[in-house]
C-alpha atoms as a PDB file:
ATOM      1  CA  UNK A   1      98.357 -67.601  10.058  1.00  0.00           C
ATOM      2  CA  UNK A   2      99.217 -71.166  10.974  1.00  0.00           C
ATOM      3  CA  UNK A   3     102.600 -72.456   9.996  1.00  0.00           C
ATOM      4  CA  UNK A   4     103.213 -75.694   8.197  1.00  0.00           C
ATOM      5  CA  UNK A   5     105.338 -78.518   9.467  1.00  0.00           C
ATOM      6  CA  UNK A   6     107.038 -79.815   6.319  1.00  0.00           C
ATOM      7  CA  UNK A   7     108.656 -83.208   6.237  1.00  0.00           C
ATOM      8  CA  UNK A   8     112.030 -83.691   4.654  1.00  0.00           C
ATOM      9  CA  UNK A   9     111.799 -85.002   1.134  1.00  0.00           C
ATOM     10  CA  UNK A  10     108.199 -83.896   0.623  1.00  0.00           C
ATOM     11  CA  UNK A  11     107.356 -81.438  -2.113  1.00  0.00           C
ATOM     12  CA  UNK A  12     105.693 -78.186  -1.044  1.00  0.00           C
ATOM     13  CA  UNK A  13     102.684 -77.010  -2.992  1.00  0.00           C
ATOM     14  CA  UNK A  14     103.229 -73.945  -5.144  1.00  0.00           C
ATOM     15  CA  UNK A  15      99.849 -72.359  -5.639  1.00  0.00           C
ATOM     16  CA  UNK A  16      99.227 -70.603  -8.945  1.00  0.00           C
ATOM     17  CA  UNK A  17      97.627 -67.180  -8.358  1.00  0.00           C
ATOM     18  CA  UNK A  18      93.866 -67.453  -8.315  1.00  0.00           C
ATOM     19  CA  UNK A  19      92.287 -65.671 -11.258  1.00  0.00           C
ATOM     20  CA  UNK A  20      88.649 -66.175 -10.379  1.00  0.00           C
ATOM     21  CA  UNK A  21      86.515 -67.846  -7.756  1.00  0.00           C
ATOM     22  CA  UNK A  22      83.894 -70.269  -9.027  1.00  0.00           C
ATOM     23  CA  UNK A  23      80.606 -70.504  -7.183  1.00  0.00           C
ATOM     24  CA  UNK A  24      80.398 -73.434  -4.775  1.00  0.00           C
ATOM     25  CA  UNK A  25      77.455 -75.781  -4.682  1.00  0.00           C
ATOM     26  CA  UNK A  26      77.146 -78.360  -1.944  1.00  0.00           C
ATOM     27  CA  UNK A  27      77.849 -81.902  -3.097  1.00  0.00           C
ATOM     28  CA  UNK A  28      76.002 -83.475  -0.180  1.00  0.00           C
ATOM     29  CA  UNK A  29      77.524 -86.824  -1.158  1.00  0.00           C
ATOM     30  CA  UNK A  30      75.333 -87.022  -4.249  1.00  0.00           C
ATOM     31  CA  UNK A  31      76.425 -88.333  -7.605  1.00  0.00           C
ATOM     32  CA  UNK A  32      76.391 -85.267  -9.772  1.00  0.00           C
ATOM     33  CA  UNK A  33      78.364 -83.509 -12.470  1.00  0.00           C
ATOM     34  CA  UNK A  34      79.599 -79.950 -12.405  1.00  0.00           C
ATOM     35  CA  UNK A  35      80.948 -78.275 -15.510  1.00  0.00           C
ATOM     36  CA  UNK A  36      83.200 -75.268 -15.045  1.00  0.00           C
ATOM     37  CA  UNK A  37      85.331 -73.285 -17.397  1.00  0.00           C
ATOM     38  CA  UNK A  38      86.898 -69.918 -18.065  1.00  0.00           C
ATOM     39  CA  UNK A  39      85.428 -66.921 -19.752  1.00  0.00           C
ATOM     40  CA  UNK A  40      86.004 -63.238 -20.310  1.00  0.00           C
ATOM     41  CA  UNK A  41      89.719 -63.702 -20.849  1.00  0.00           C
ATOM     42  CA  UNK A  42      90.230 -65.244 -17.440  1.00  0.00           C
ATOM     43  CA  UNK A  43      91.117 -68.779 -18.560  1.00  0.00           C
ATOM     44  CA  UNK A  44      94.255 -70.024 -20.275  1.00  0.00           C
ATOM     45  CA  UNK A  45      94.200 -70.458 -24.058  1.00  0.00           C
ATOM     46  CA  UNK A  46      95.211 -74.120 -24.037  1.00  0.00           C
ATOM     47  CA  UNK A  47      92.781 -76.689 -25.525  1.00  0.00           C
ATOM     48  CA  UNK A  48      89.786 -77.477 -23.338  1.00  0.00           C
ATOM     49  CA  UNK A  49      90.131 -80.779 -21.490  1.00  0.00           C
ATOM     50  CA  UNK A  50      87.822 -82.868 -19.330  1.00  0.00           C
ATOM     51  CA  UNK A  51      88.788 -83.933 -15.806  1.00  0.00           C
ATOM     52  CA  UNK A  52      86.706 -86.116 -13.485  1.00  0.00           C
ATOM     53  CA  UNK A  53      86.955 -85.727  -9.710  1.00  0.00           C
ATOM     54  CA  UNK A  54      85.477 -88.667  -7.800  1.00  0.00           C
ATOM     55  CA  UNK A  55      85.419 -88.378  -4.006  1.00  0.00           C
ATOM     56  CA  UNK A  56      84.057 -90.366  -1.087  1.00  0.00           C
ATOM     57  CA  UNK A  57      81.995 -87.342  -0.008  1.00  0.00           C
ATOM     58  CA  UNK A  58      79.440 -88.123   2.672  1.00  0.00           C
ATOM     59  CA  UNK A  59      76.124 -86.284   2.800  1.00  0.00           C
ATOM     60  CA  UNK A  60      76.290 -83.061   4.780  1.00  0.00           C
ATOM     61  CA  UNK A  61      80.065 -82.930   5.210  1.00  0.00           C
ATOM     62  CA  UNK A  62      81.038 -79.320   4.434  1.00  0.00           C
ATOM     63  CA  UNK A  63      84.668 -80.369   3.973  1.00  0.00           C
ATOM     64  CA  UNK A  64      83.843 -81.426   0.420  1.00  0.00           C
ATOM     65  CA  UNK A  65      82.294 -78.075  -0.439  1.00  0.00           C
ATOM     66  CA  UNK A  66      85.726 -76.544   0.177  1.00  0.00           C
ATOM     67  CA  UNK A  67      87.512 -79.216  -1.876  1.00  0.00           C
ATOM     68  CA  UNK A  68      85.104 -78.639  -4.708  1.00  0.00           C
ATOM     69  CA  UNK A  69      85.488 -74.867  -4.595  1.00  0.00           C
ATOM     70  CA  UNK A  70      89.258 -75.238  -4.988  1.00  0.00           C
ATOM     71  CA  UNK A  71      88.787 -77.679  -7.869  1.00  0.00           C
ATOM     72  CA  UNK A  72      86.329 -75.371  -9.622  1.00  0.00           C
ATOM     73  CA  UNK A  73      88.697 -72.423  -9.273  1.00  0.00           C
ATOM     74  CA  UNK A  74      91.538 -74.364 -10.911  1.00  0.00           C
ATOM     75  CA  UNK A  75      89.170 -75.669 -13.600  1.00  0.00           C
ATOM     76  CA  UNK A  76      88.066 -72.152 -14.474  1.00  0.00           C
ATOM     77  CA  UNK A  77      91.642 -70.935 -14.741  1.00  0.00           C
ATOM     78  CA  UNK A  78      92.815 -73.953 -16.743  1.00  0.00           C
ATOM     79  CA  UNK A  79      89.930 -74.127 -19.239  1.00  0.00           C
ATOM     80  CA  UNK A  80      88.843 -77.477 -17.825  1.00  0.00           C
ATOM     81  CA  UNK A  81      85.443 -79.147 -18.007  1.00  0.00           C
ATOM     82  CA  UNK A  82      85.253 -80.488 -14.438  1.00  0.00           C
ATOM     83  CA  UNK A  83      83.002 -83.473 -13.781  1.00  0.00           C
ATOM     84  CA  UNK A  84      82.501 -83.792 -10.034  1.00  0.00           C
ATOM     85  CA  UNK A  85      80.843 -86.779  -8.362  1.00  0.00           C
ATOM     86  CA  UNK A  86      81.046 -88.521  -5.025  1.00  0.00           C
ATOM     87  CA  UNK A  87      79.782 -91.448  -3.014  1.00  0.00           C
ATOM     88  CA  UNK A  88      80.764 -92.577   0.480  1.00  0.00           C
ATOM     89  CA  UNK A  89      80.400 -96.284  -0.398  1.00  0.00           C
ATOM     90  CA  UNK A  90      83.567 -97.739  -1.947  1.00  0.00           C
ATOM     91  CA  UNK A  91      81.868 -99.917  -4.552  1.00  0.00           C
ATOM     92  CA  UNK A  92      79.730 -97.067  -5.843  1.00  0.00           C
ATOM     93  CA  UNK A  93      82.726 -94.753  -5.902  1.00  0.00           C
ATOM     94  CA  UNK A  94      84.495 -97.331  -8.089  1.00  0.00           C
ATOM     95  CA  UNK A  95      81.499 -97.292 -10.440  1.00  0.00           C
ATOM     96  CA  UNK A  96      81.810 -93.532 -10.765  1.00  0.00           C
ATOM     97  CA  UNK A  97      85.479 -93.906 -11.711  1.00  0.00           C
ATOM     98  CA  UNK A  98      84.477 -96.481 -14.334  1.00  0.00           C
ATOM     99  CA  UNK A  99      81.937 -94.010 -15.725  1.00  0.00           C
ATOM    100  CA  UNK A 100      84.716 -91.430 -16.049  1.00  0.00           C
ATOM    101  CA  UNK A 101      86.848 -93.960 -17.953  1.00  0.00           C
ATOM    102  CA  UNK A 102      83.923 -94.707 -20.259  1.00  0.00           C
ATOM    103  CA  UNK A 103      83.534 -90.977 -20.908  1.00  0.00           C
ATOM    104  CA  UNK A 104      87.188 -90.898 -22.034  1.00  0.00           C
ATOM    105  CA  UNK A 105      88.126 -88.067 -19.721  1.00  0.00           C
ATOM    106  CA  UNK A 106      91.594 -86.530 -19.944  1.00  0.00           C
ATOM    107  CA  UNK A 107      92.386 -87.117 -16.285  1.00  0.00           C
ATOM    108  CA  UNK A 108      90.928 -88.441 -13.040  1.00  0.00           C
ATOM    109  CA  UNK A 109      91.257 -87.165  -9.474  1.00  0.00           C
ATOM    110  CA  UNK A 110      90.170 -89.776  -6.940  1.00  0.00           C
ATOM    111  CA  UNK A 111      90.146 -90.145  -3.171  1.00  0.00           C
ATOM    112  CA  UNK A 112      91.323 -93.492  -1.812  1.00  0.00           C
ATOM    113  CA  UNK A 113      89.523 -93.850   1.509  1.00  0.00           C
ATOM    114  CA  UNK A 114      88.644 -97.442   0.506  1.00  0.00           C
ATOM    115  CA  UNK A 115      91.675 -98.438  -1.596  1.00  0.00           C
ATOM    116  CA  UNK A 116      90.718-102.108  -1.894  1.00  0.00           C
ATOM    117  CA  UNK A 117      87.440-101.147  -3.539  1.00  0.00           C
ATOM    118  CA  UNK A 118      89.175 -98.822  -5.993  1.00  0.00           C
ATOM    119  CA  UNK A 119      92.452-100.518  -6.891  1.00  0.00           C
ATOM    120  CA  UNK A 120      91.129-102.433  -9.926  1.00  0.00           C
ATOM    121  CA  UNK A 121      89.306 -99.527 -11.509  1.00  0.00           C
ATOM    122  CA  UNK A 122      92.205 -97.123 -10.926  1.00  0.00           C
ATOM    123  CA  UNK A 123      94.454 -99.622 -12.709  1.00  0.00           C
ATOM    124  CA  UNK A 124      91.955 -99.653 -15.597  1.00  0.00           C
ATOM    125  CA  UNK A 125      92.249 -95.897 -15.868  1.00  0.00           C
ATOM    126  CA  UNK A 126      96.045 -95.961 -15.874  1.00  0.00           C
ATOM    127  CA  UNK A 127      96.088 -98.819 -18.413  1.00  0.00           C
ATOM    128  CA  UNK A 128      93.768 -96.731 -20.608  1.00  0.00           C
ATOM    129  CA  UNK A 129      96.342 -93.938 -20.623  1.00  0.00           C
ATOM    130  CA  UNK A 130      94.363 -91.642 -18.325  1.00  0.00           C
ATOM    131  CA  UNK A 131      96.585 -89.813 -15.811  1.00  0.00           C
ATOM    132  CA  UNK A 132      95.401 -90.294 -12.229  1.00  0.00           C
ATOM    133  CA  UNK A 133      96.013 -88.103  -9.201  1.00  0.00           C
ATOM    134  CA  UNK A 134      94.865 -89.180  -5.750  1.00  0.00           C
ATOM    135  CA  UNK A 135      93.747 -86.720  -3.139  1.00  0.00           C
ATOM    136  CA  UNK A 136      92.883 -86.486   0.544  1.00  0.00           C
ATOM    137  CA  UNK A 137      92.919 -90.175   1.529  1.00  0.00           C
ATOM    138  CA  UNK A 138      95.066 -93.177   0.730  1.00  0.00           C
ATOM    139  CA  UNK A 139      98.475 -91.544   0.528  1.00  0.00           C
ATOM    140  CA  UNK A 140     100.153 -94.825   1.501  1.00  0.00           C
ATOM    141  CA  UNK A 141      98.492 -96.705  -1.380  1.00  0.00           C
ATOM    142  CA  UNK A 142      98.518 -93.933  -3.990  1.00  0.00           C
ATOM    143  CA  UNK A 143     101.757 -94.735  -5.797  1.00  0.00           C
ATOM    144  CA  UNK A 144     101.172 -98.500  -5.832  1.00  0.00           C
ATOM    145  CA  UNK A 145      97.749 -97.977  -7.404  1.00  0.00           C
ATOM    146  CA  UNK A 146      99.231 -95.911 -10.227  1.00  0.00           C
ATOM    147  CA  UNK A 147      98.590 -92.278  -9.300  1.00  0.00           C
ATOM    148  CA  UNK A 148     101.488 -90.045 -10.301  1.00  0.00           C
ATOM    149  CA  UNK A 149     101.074 -87.847  -7.225  1.00  0.00           C
ATOM    150  CA  UNK A 150      98.906 -87.373  -4.139  1.00  0.00           C
ATOM    151  CA  UNK A 151      97.615 -84.134  -2.609  1.00  0.00           C
ATOM    152  CA  UNK A 152      96.788 -84.129   1.088  1.00  0.00           C
ATOM    153  CA  UNK A 153      98.211 -84.535   4.523  1.00  0.00           C
ATOM    154  CA  UNK A 154      99.606 -87.649   6.129  1.00  0.00           C
ATOM    155  CA  UNK A 155      96.722 -88.669   8.353  1.00  0.00           C
ATOM    156  CA  UNK A 156      99.121 -90.522  10.629  1.00  0.00           C
ATOM    157  CA  UNK A 157     101.291 -87.410  10.976  1.00  0.00           C
ATOM    158  CA  UNK A 158      98.176 -85.310  11.643  1.00  0.00           C
ATOM    159  CA  UNK A 159      97.164 -87.769  14.364  1.00  0.00           C
ATOM    160  CA  UNK A 160     100.629 -87.624  15.881  1.00  0.00           C
ATOM    161  CA  UNK A 161     100.389 -83.812  15.888  1.00  0.00           C
ATOM    162  CA  UNK A 162      97.104 -83.954  17.798  1.00  0.00           C
ATOM    163  CA  UNK A 163      98.458 -86.596  20.175  1.00  0.00           C
ATOM    164  CA  UNK A 164     101.543 -84.534  20.956  1.00  0.00           C
ATOM    165  CA  UNK A 165      99.404 -81.470  21.667  1.00  0.00           C
ATOM    166  CA  UNK A 166      97.072 -83.421  23.968  1.00  0.00           C
ATOM    167  CA  UNK A 167      99.984 -85.083  25.765  1.00  0.00           C
ATOM    168  CA  UNK A 168     101.574 -81.675  26.362  1.00  0.00           C
ATOM    169  CA  UNK A 169      98.332 -80.598  28.054  1.00  0.00           C
ATOM    170  CA  UNK A 170      98.358 -83.625  30.358  1.00  0.00           C
ATOM    171  CA  UNK A 171      95.548 -85.523  28.625  1.00  0.00           C
ATOM    172  CA  UNK A 172      95.559 -89.238  29.544  1.00  0.00           C
ATOM    173  CA  UNK A 173      92.269 -90.732  28.315  1.00  0.00           C
ATOM    174  CA  UNK A 174      90.917 -89.125  25.141  1.00  0.00           C
ATOM    175  CA  UNK A 175      88.119 -90.612  23.056  1.00  0.00           C
ATOM    176  CA  UNK A 176      88.763 -90.571  19.299  1.00  0.00           C
ATOM    177  CA  UNK A 177      85.466 -90.616  17.383  1.00  0.00           C
ATOM    178  CA  UNK A 178      85.525 -92.360  13.978  1.00  0.00           C
ATOM    179  CA  UNK A 179      82.482 -91.501  11.858  1.00  0.00           C
ATOM    180  CA  UNK A 180      83.118 -93.999   9.056  1.00  0.00           C
ATOM    181  CA  UNK A 181      84.392 -97.493   9.837  1.00  0.00           C
ATOM    182  CA  UNK A 182      86.908 -98.861   7.355  1.00  0.00           C
ATOM    183  CA  UNK A 183      88.158 -95.423   6.284  1.00  0.00           C
ATOM    184  CA  UNK A 184      91.941 -95.850   6.359  1.00  0.00           C
ATOM    185  CA  UNK A 185      92.620 -92.139   6.834  1.00  0.00           C
ATOM    186  CA  UNK A 186      90.382 -91.818   9.888  1.00  0.00           C
ATOM    187  CA  UNK A 187      91.877 -94.950  11.416  1.00  0.00           C
ATOM    188  CA  UNK A 188      95.369 -93.525  10.853  1.00  0.00           C
ATOM    189  CA  UNK A 189      94.406 -90.311  12.610  1.00  0.00           C
ATOM    190  CA  UNK A 190      93.319 -92.120  15.750  1.00  0.00           C
ATOM    191  CA  UNK A 191      96.380 -94.387  15.543  1.00  0.00           C
ATOM    192  CA  UNK A 192      98.602 -91.300  15.484  1.00  0.00           C
ATOM    193  CA  UNK A 193      96.861 -89.892  18.560  1.00  0.00           C
ATOM    194  CA  UNK A 194      97.194 -93.219  20.387  1.00  0.00           C
ATOM    195  CA  UNK A 195     100.904 -93.362  19.540  1.00  0.00           C
ATOM    196  CA  UNK A 196     101.429 -90.349  21.789  1.00  0.00           C
ATOM    197  CA  UNK A 197      98.585 -90.906  24.262  1.00  0.00           C
ATOM    198  CA  UNK A 198      98.380 -94.697  24.879  1.00  0.00           C
ATOM    199  CA  UNK A 199      95.143 -94.341  26.841  1.00  0.00           C
ATOM    200  CA  UNK A 200      93.266 -93.222  23.718  1.00  0.00           C
ATOM    201  CA  UNK A 201      89.963 -95.052  23.224  1.00  0.00           C
ATOM    202  CA  UNK A 202      88.245 -95.457  19.843  1.00  0.00           C
ATOM    203  CA  UNK A 203      84.520 -94.790  19.485  1.00  0.00           C
ATOM    204  CA  UNK A 204      82.824 -95.716  16.195  1.00  0.00           C
ATOM    205  CA  UNK A 205      79.684 -93.764  15.273  1.00  0.00           C
ATOM    206  CA  UNK A 206      77.354 -93.595  12.292  1.00  0.00           C
ATOM    207  CA  UNK A 207      78.458 -90.381  10.598  1.00  0.00           C
ATOM    208  CA  UNK A 208      75.487 -90.467   8.227  1.00  0.00           C
ATOM    209  CA  UNK A 209      73.143 -89.759  11.147  1.00  0.00           C
ATOM    210  CA  UNK A 210      74.084 -86.791  13.326  1.00  0.00           C
ATOM    211  CA  UNK A 211      71.359 -87.586  15.859  1.00  0.00           C
ATOM    212  CA  UNK A 212      72.940 -90.984  16.309  1.00  0.00           C
ATOM    213  CA  UNK A 213      76.392 -89.405  16.596  1.00  0.00           C
ATOM    214  CA  UNK A 214      75.154 -87.152  19.390  1.00  0.00           C
ATOM    215  CA  UNK A 215      73.392 -89.902  21.341  1.00  0.00           C
ATOM    216  CA  UNK A 216      76.329 -92.319  20.994  1.00  0.00           C
ATOM    217  CA  UNK A 217      78.805 -89.695  22.199  1.00  0.00           C
ATOM    218  CA  UNK A 218      76.566 -88.701  25.123  1.00  0.00           C
ATOM    219  CA  UNK A 219      76.186 -92.324  26.213  1.00  0.00           C
ATOM    220  CA  UNK A 220      79.932 -92.878  25.982  1.00  0.00           C
ATOM    221  CA  UNK A 221      80.741 -89.804  28.049  1.00  0.00           C
ATOM    222  CA  UNK A 222      78.258 -90.861  30.741  1.00  0.00           C
ATOM    223  CA  UNK A 223      79.801 -94.332  30.930  1.00  0.00           C
ATOM    224  CA  UNK A 224      83.420 -93.072  30.840  1.00  0.00           C
ATOM    225  CA  UNK A 225      83.808 -90.602  33.709  1.00  0.00           C
ATOM    226  CA  UNK A 226      87.622 -90.651  33.490  1.00  0.00           C
ATOM    227  CA  UNK A 227      87.663 -89.417  29.870  1.00  0.00           C
ATOM    228  CA  UNK A 228      89.431 -86.049  29.735  1.00  0.00           C
ATOM    229  CA  UNK A 229      89.183 -85.181  26.029  1.00  0.00           C
ATOM    230  CA  UNK A 230      87.160 -86.117  22.975  1.00  0.00           C
ATOM    231  CA  UNK A 231      88.305 -85.727  19.372  1.00  0.00           C
ATOM    232  CA  UNK A 232      86.154 -85.267  16.292  1.00  0.00           C
ATOM    233  CA  UNK A 233      87.683 -86.236  12.956  1.00  0.00           C
ATOM    234  CA  UNK A 234      85.813 -83.660  10.865  1.00  0.00           C
ATOM    235  CA  UNK A 235      84.304 -80.233  11.500  1.00  0.00           C
ATOM    236  CA  UNK A 236      80.572 -81.140  11.337  1.00  0.00           C
ATOM    237  CA  UNK A 237      81.123 -84.119  13.621  1.00  0.00           C
ATOM    238  CA  UNK A 238      83.141 -82.094  16.117  1.00  0.00           C
ATOM    239  CA  UNK A 239      80.408 -79.456  16.247  1.00  0.00           C
ATOM    240  CA  UNK A 240      77.867 -82.183  17.000  1.00  0.00           C
ATOM    241  CA  UNK A 241      80.212 -83.526  19.687  1.00  0.00           C
ATOM    242  CA  UNK A 242      80.441 -80.043  21.255  1.00  0.00           C
ATOM    243  CA  UNK A 243      76.652 -79.988  21.658  1.00  0.00           C
ATOM    244  CA  UNK A 244      76.652 -83.510  23.110  1.00  0.00           C
ATOM    245  CA  UNK A 245      79.362 -82.558  25.617  1.00  0.00           C
ATOM    246  CA  UNK A 246      77.374 -79.523  26.781  1.00  0.00           C
ATOM    247  CA  UNK A 247      74.128 -81.486  27.044  1.00  0.00           C
ATOM    248  CA  UNK A 248      75.805 -84.279  29.018  1.00  0.00           C
ATOM    249  CA  UNK A 249      77.417 -81.847  31.453  1.00  0.00           C
ATOM    250  CA  UNK A 250      80.834 -83.372  30.783  1.00  0.00           C
ATOM    251  CA  UNK A 251      83.982 -81.331  31.404  1.00  0.00           C
ATOM    252  CA  UNK A 252      86.072 -83.024  28.705  1.00  0.00           C
ATOM    253  CA  UNK A 253      88.118 -80.890  26.352  1.00  0.00           C
ATOM    254  CA  UNK A 254      87.180 -81.033  22.664  1.00  0.00           C
ATOM    255  CA  UNK A 255      89.736 -81.185  19.864  1.00  0.00           C
ATOM    256  CA  UNK A 256      89.251 -81.679  16.160  1.00  0.00           C
ATOM    257  CA  UNK A 257      90.596 -82.411  12.718  1.00  0.00           C
ATOM    258  CA  UNK A 258      89.679 -80.242   9.712  1.00  0.00           C
ATOM    259  CA  UNK A 259      87.951 -76.884   9.636  1.00  0.00           C
ATOM    260  CA  UNK A 260      84.996 -74.830   8.482  1.00  0.00           C
ATOM    261  CA  UNK A 261      83.697 -71.382   9.407  1.00  0.00           C
ATOM    262  CA  UNK A 262      81.551 -72.578  12.294  1.00  0.00           C
ATOM    263  CA  UNK A 263      84.393 -74.609  13.788  1.00  0.00           C
ATOM    264  CA  UNK A 264      86.740 -71.621  13.489  1.00  0.00           C
ATOM    265  CA  UNK A 265      84.233 -69.638  15.562  1.00  0.00           C
ATOM    266  CA  UNK A 266      84.051 -72.475  18.115  1.00  0.00           C
ATOM    267  CA  UNK A 267      87.823 -72.354  18.490  1.00  0.00           C
ATOM    268  CA  UNK A 268      87.706 -68.590  18.821  1.00  0.00           C
ATOM    269  CA  UNK A 269      85.082 -68.780  21.598  1.00  0.00           C
ATOM    270  CA  UNK A 270      86.852 -71.631  23.406  1.00  0.00           C
ATOM    271  CA  UNK A 271      84.311 -74.408  22.781  1.00  0.00           C
ATOM    272  CA  UNK A 272      86.999 -76.321  20.863  1.00  0.00           C
ATOM    273  CA  UNK A 273      90.628 -76.289  21.960  1.00  0.00           C
ATOM    274  CA  UNK A 274      92.245 -76.649  18.539  1.00  0.00           C
ATOM    275  CA  UNK A 275      92.052 -78.386  15.190  1.00  0.00           C
ATOM    276  CA  UNK A 276      94.487 -79.712  12.601  1.00  0.00           C
ATOM    277  CA  UNK A 277      93.684 -78.222   9.208  1.00  0.00           C
ATOM    278  CA  UNK A 278      94.662 -80.093   6.019  1.00  0.00           C
ATOM    279  CA  UNK A 279      93.548 -77.177   3.794  1.00  0.00           C
ATOM    280  CA  UNK A 280      91.077 -78.943   1.495  1.00  0.00           C
ATOM    281  CA  UNK A 281      90.836 -75.987  -0.892  1.00  0.00           C
ATOM    282  CA  UNK A 282      94.468 -76.635  -1.830  1.00  0.00           C
ATOM    283  CA  UNK A 283      93.748 -80.328  -2.308  1.00  0.00           C
ATOM    284  CA  UNK A 284      91.008 -79.629  -4.843  1.00  0.00           C
ATOM    285  CA  UNK A 285      92.905 -76.839  -6.575  1.00  0.00           C
ATOM    286  CA  UNK A 286      96.256 -78.606  -6.735  1.00  0.00           C
ATOM    287  CA  UNK A 287      94.851 -81.917  -7.939  1.00  0.00           C
ATOM    288  CA  UNK A 288      93.052 -80.400 -10.944  1.00  0.00           C
ATOM    289  CA  UNK A 289      95.940 -78.070 -11.731  1.00  0.00           C
ATOM    290  CA  UNK A 290      98.468 -80.927 -11.646  1.00  0.00           C
ATOM    291  CA  UNK A 291      96.525 -82.923 -14.241  1.00  0.00           C
ATOM    292  CA  UNK A 292      96.277 -79.841 -16.462  1.00  0.00           C
ATOM    293  CA  UNK A 293     100.053 -79.355 -16.157  1.00  0.00           C
ATOM    294  CA  UNK A 294     100.542 -83.019 -17.026  1.00  0.00           C
ATOM    295  CA  UNK A 295      98.370 -82.709 -20.130  1.00  0.00           C
ATOM    296  CA  UNK A 296      99.927 -79.480 -21.451  1.00  0.00           C
ATOM    297  CA  UNK A 297     103.560 -80.260 -20.682  1.00  0.00           C
ATOM    298  CA  UNK A 298     103.964 -83.771 -19.335  1.00  0.00           C
ATOM    299  CA  UNK A 299     104.810 -82.320 -15.934  1.00  0.00           C
ATOM    300  CA  UNK A 300     104.477 -84.491 -12.844  1.00  0.00           C
ATOM    301  CA  UNK A 301     103.994 -82.279  -9.823  1.00  0.00           C
ATOM    302  CA  UNK A 302     105.609 -83.767  -6.751  1.00  0.00           C
ATOM    303  CA  UNK A 303     108.328 -85.701  -8.535  1.00  0.00           C
ATOM    304  CA  UNK A 304     106.853 -88.970  -7.329  1.00  0.00           C
ATOM    305  CA  UNK A 305     106.393 -87.697  -3.776  1.00  0.00           C
ATOM    306  CA  UNK A 306     103.231 -86.734  -1.930  1.00  0.00           C
ATOM    307  CA  UNK A 307     102.410 -83.021  -1.970  1.00  0.00           C
ATOM    308  CA  UNK A 308     101.521 -82.075   1.603  1.00  0.00           C
ATOM    309  CA  UNK A 309      98.758 -79.544   2.274  1.00  0.00           C
ATOM    310  CA  UNK A 310      98.920 -79.966   6.066  1.00  0.00           C
ATOM    311  CA  UNK A 311      98.843 -80.462   8.976  1.00  0.00           C
ATOM    312  CA  UNK A 312      98.498 -76.903  10.216  1.00  0.00           C
ATOM    313  CA  UNK A 313      97.392 -76.366  13.833  1.00  0.00           C
ATOM    314  CA  UNK A 314      94.616 -73.812  14.352  1.00  0.00           C
ATOM    315  CA  UNK A 315      93.976 -72.691  17.935  1.00  0.00           C
ATOM    316  CA  UNK A 316      92.835 -69.563  19.750  1.00  0.00           C
ATOM    317  CA  UNK A 317      96.159 -67.869  18.949  1.00  0.00           C
ATOM    318  CA  UNK A 318      95.506 -67.804  15.201  1.00  0.00           C
ATOM    319  CA  UNK A 319      91.815 -68.643  14.761  1.00  0.00           C
ATOM    320  CA  UNK A 320      90.849 -65.011  14.110  1.00  0.00           C
ATOM    321  CA  UNK A 321      93.285 -64.852  11.191  1.00  0.00           C
ATOM    322  CA  UNK A 322      91.882 -68.041   9.687  1.00  0.00           C
ATOM    323  CA  UNK A 323      88.249 -67.153  10.382  1.00  0.00           C
ATOM    324  CA  UNK A 324      88.030 -64.526   7.655  1.00  0.00           C
ATOM    325  CA  UNK A 325      89.041 -67.123   5.069  1.00  0.00           C
ATOM    326  CA  UNK A 326      86.768 -69.765   6.565  1.00  0.00           C
ATOM    327  CA  UNK A 327      83.854 -67.362   6.182  1.00  0.00           C
ATOM    328  CA  UNK A 328      84.699 -67.143   2.460  1.00  0.00           C
ATOM    329  CA  UNK A 329      84.433 -70.923   2.238  1.00  0.00           C
ATOM    330  CA  UNK A 330      88.071 -71.534   1.363  1.00  0.00           C
ATOM    331  CA  UNK A 331      89.339 -72.692   4.791  1.00  0.00           C
END
């Protein structure tokens, strides 16, 4: 299995043993509510509480299926009514958080990909006495906005990890493909790569349209003959990039961030060199569990520090080990 690189002063995530796996349904970026809870003696006997999870999930991004599966597993164990919703547009995501406040939920998990759009409504939640945990994106803004902890990786550190790996392989001119402009986490990833490989070039694509992603990448590769690597910032986008590279006849190496079963297979067969996994299942699980712990005992997981779930490098040396978990939908 991949090993973690833990930073000094950062709290490691202690995962409570999983008692049951909840069925996963694809969010697809839609605004929807999922209610999960324990049964058959599998859940705790603490009072049932309601937790809202509001993400910036984009349609078709399998990453969020894994986050949601982790959240549902924790909700089932903790006797939690989990209300899941997501929207890639910052203003609409803020509206979903406001809806959770209006429903008087017992806690809110929120991603902060667009912190400016969410700062006012997150403050409303905190002022209303609702504990807030941030997850996945916005680790630099989390504490200032009022969340008591954040679950995820440092996107800048993940980018540095990728940049160091590429530099060690002699890469000079990689293309870093951002699928959502204005997403602070994605921008930090490319910035981390560029910190170690100064020749890194940024390519913005429309991640909501995979056909457009493919054509934009193909055109860029044809007009940039000295490019020697291309980096996708999420598994579905990297897999689309792999197809574009093959169709264009380019010899660039492909690297990635994040993981799903299909990408694990692509690493195993050599189509993708490596990826940096932030373990989204742990993000969903830990975020819900930390709010439950806060409600039943006033605990604050992390002690005011971010709880890191990555980065963990997955390459051909360990992809087979990870693949069996990816096929279960938890990696």
